[in-house]
Amino acid sequence: MNRFYVYTLLSLKDHKLYTGFTTNPKKRLQEHARGGVKSTQNRRPLELIHYEYFINEEDAKAREVFLKSGFGRNQLKQALKRTLI
């Protein structure tokens, strides 16, 4: 069975969020940590603050798109308000 993950990282440098999609979270987080992801390479260090697991790829990709939207980002920030203090 395939597994799909949507994850959110917090930049400890600029305190902004990055949301992404992967099938291999350990490998992807290592890529982020070593600066191998262009969109986060200048925002390190990063901390994993949220992830969701899906068994359907389309559901995972739709969730990623939603969390990157204004409404989704605000909803995520509200859910993680104590984490983001």
C-alpha atoms as a PDB file:
ATOM      1  CA  MET A   1       0.000   0.000   0.000  1.00  0.00           C
ATOM      2  CA  ASN A   2       1.301   3.447  -0.910  1.00  0.00           C
ATOM      3  CA  ARG A   3       1.531   6.147   1.732  1.00  0.00           C
ATOM      4  CA  PHE A   4       1.329   9.867   1.123  1.00  0.00           C
ATOM      5  CA  TYR A   5       2.201  12.612   3.568  1.00  0.00           C
ATOM      6  CA  VAL A   6       1.455  16.309   3.746  1.00  0.00           C
ATOM      7  CA  TYR A   7       3.763  18.085   6.153  1.00  0.00           C
ATOM      8  CA  THR A   8       4.366  21.557   7.509  1.00  0.00           C
ATOM      9  CA  LEU A   9       7.715  22.946   8.541  1.00  0.00           C
ATOM     10  CA  LEU A  10       8.358  26.030  10.625  1.00  0.00           C
ATOM     11  CA  SER A  11      11.385  28.118   9.737  1.00  0.00           C
ATOM     12  CA  LEU A  12      13.203  28.999  12.944  1.00  0.00           C
ATOM     13  CA  LYS A  13      14.925  31.768  10.990  1.00  0.00           C
ATOM     14  CA  ASP A  14      11.928  33.739   9.671  1.00  0.00           C
ATOM     15  CA  HIS A  15       9.058  32.001  11.557  1.00  0.00           C
ATOM     16  CA  LYS A  16       7.184  31.269   8.313  1.00  0.00           C
ATOM     17  CA  LEU A  17       5.521  28.000   7.379  1.00  0.00           C
ATOM     18  CA  TYR A  18       6.304  25.689   4.475  1.00  0.00           C
ATOM     19  CA  THR A  19       3.838  22.962   3.476  1.00  0.00           C
ATOM     20  CA  GLY A  20       4.829  20.086   1.230  1.00  0.00           C
ATOM     21  CA  PHE A  21       3.926  16.623  -0.037  1.00  0.00           C
ATOM     22  CA  THR A  22       6.019  13.451  -0.030  1.00  0.00           C
ATOM     23  CA  THR A  23       5.917   9.671  -0.065  1.00  0.00           C
ATOM     24  CA  ASN A  24       9.115   9.418   1.982  1.00  0.00           C
ATOM     25  CA  PRO A  25       9.054  11.872   4.896  1.00  0.00           C
ATOM     26  CA  LYS A  26      12.398  10.851   6.404  1.00  0.00           C
ATOM     27  CA  LYS A  27      14.251  11.393   3.124  1.00  0.00           C
ATOM     28  CA  ARG A  28      12.392  14.631   2.357  1.00  0.00           C
ATOM     29  CA  LEU A  29      13.093  16.121   5.790  1.00  0.00           C
ATOM     30  CA  GLN A  30      16.774  15.272   5.361  1.00  0.00           C
ATOM     31  CA  GLU A  31      16.738  17.078   1.991  1.00  0.00           C
ATOM     32  CA  HIS A  32      15.245  20.151   3.669  1.00  0.00           C
ATOM     33  CA  ALA A  33      17.771  19.993   6.526  1.00  0.00           C
ATOM     34  CA  ARG A  34      20.815  19.911   4.277  1.00  0.00           C
ATOM     35  CA  GLY A  35      19.549  22.713   2.021  1.00  0.00           C
ATOM     36  CA  GLY A  36      18.610  20.513  -0.916  1.00  0.00           C
ATOM     37  CA  VAL A  37      15.161  22.068  -1.366  1.00  0.00           C
ATOM     38  CA  LYS A  38      15.339  25.405  -3.151  1.00  0.00           C
ATOM     39  CA  SER A  39      12.272  26.918  -1.485  1.00  0.00           C
ATOM     40  CA  THR A  40      13.589  26.324   2.045  1.00  0.00           C
ATOM     41  CA  GLN A  41      17.376  26.349   1.650  1.00  0.00           C
ATOM     42  CA  ASN A  42      17.703  29.942   2.906  1.00  0.00           C
ATOM     43  CA  ARG A  43      15.124  29.487   5.667  1.00  0.00           C
ATOM     44  CA  ARG A  44      16.961  26.869   7.733  1.00  0.00           C
ATOM     45  CA  PRO A  45      16.871  25.639  10.417  1.00  0.00           C
ATOM     46  CA  LEU A  46      13.448  24.070  10.022  1.00  0.00           C
ATOM     47  CA  GLU A  47      11.252  22.181  12.435  1.00  0.00           C
ATOM     48  CA  LEU A  48       8.535  19.667  11.534  1.00  0.00           C
ATOM     49  CA  ILE A  49       5.422  20.890  13.333  1.00  0.00           C
ATOM     50  CA  HIS A  50       2.606  19.019  11.569  1.00  0.00           C
ATOM     51  CA  TYR A  51       2.006  16.121   9.220  1.00  0.00           C
ATOM     52  CA  GLU A  52      -0.936  14.147   7.898  1.00  0.00           C
ATOM     53  CA  TYR A  53      -0.971  10.638   6.414  1.00  0.00           C
ATOM     54  CA  PHE A  54      -3.117   9.576   3.467  1.00  0.00           C
ATOM     55  CA  ILE A  55      -3.667   6.326   1.573  1.00  0.00           C
ATOM     56  CA  ASN A  56      -4.906   8.176  -1.516  1.00  0.00           C
ATOM     57  CA  GLU A  57      -2.531  10.394  -3.484  1.00  0.00           C
ATOM     58  CA  GLU A  58      -5.229  12.703  -4.843  1.00  0.00           C
ATOM     59  CA  ASP A  59      -6.575  13.320  -1.326  1.00  0.00           C
ATOM     60  CA  ALA A  60      -3.085  14.165  -0.086  1.00  0.00           C
ATOM     61  CA  LYS A  61      -2.369  16.544  -2.965  1.00  0.00           C
ATOM     62  CA  ALA A  62      -5.739  18.248  -2.490  1.00  0.00           C
ATOM     63  CA  ARG A  63      -4.978  18.704   1.209  1.00  0.00           C
ATOM     64  CA  GLU A  64      -1.581  20.207   0.376  1.00  0.00           C
ATOM     65  CA  VAL A  65      -3.202  22.692  -2.013  1.00  0.00           C
ATOM     66  CA  PHE A  66      -5.802  23.570   0.634  1.00  0.00           C
ATOM     67  CA  LEU A  67      -3.196  24.121   3.358  1.00  0.00           C
ATOM     68  CA  LYS A  68      -1.266  26.403   1.007  1.00  0.00           C
ATOM     69  CA  SER A  69      -4.375  28.514   0.365  1.00  0.00           C
ATOM     70  CA  GLY A  70      -5.107  31.534   2.519  1.00  0.00           C
ATOM     71  CA  PHE A  71      -8.034  29.879   4.284  1.00  0.00           C
ATOM     72  CA  GLY A  72      -6.170  26.614   4.807  1.00  0.00           C
ATOM     73  CA  ARG A  73      -3.049  28.357   6.095  1.00  0.00           C
ATOM     74  CA  ASN A  74      -5.149  30.374   8.559  1.00  0.00           C
ATOM     75  CA  GLN A  75      -6.963  27.224   9.688  1.00  0.00           C
ATOM     76  CA  LEU A  76      -3.636  25.464  10.248  1.00  0.00           C
ATOM     77  CA  LYS A  77      -2.244  28.413  12.194  1.00  0.00           C
ATOM     78  CA  GLN A  78      -5.349  28.410  14.379  1.00  0.00           C
ATOM     79  CA  ALA A  79      -5.015  24.675  15.053  1.00  0.00           C
ATOM     80  CA  LEU A  80      -1.323  25.102  15.925  1.00  0.00           C
ATOM     81  CA  LYS A  81      -1.596  28.399  17.781  1.00  0.00           C
ATOM     82  CA  ARG A  82       0.119  27.100  20.931  1.00  0.00           C
ATOM     83  CA  THR A  83       2.908  25.574  18.853  1.00  0.00           C
ATOM     84  CA  LEU A  84       3.488  28.835  16.997  1.00  0.00           C
ATOM     85  CA  ILE A  85       3.829  31.019  20.110  1.00  0.00           C
END
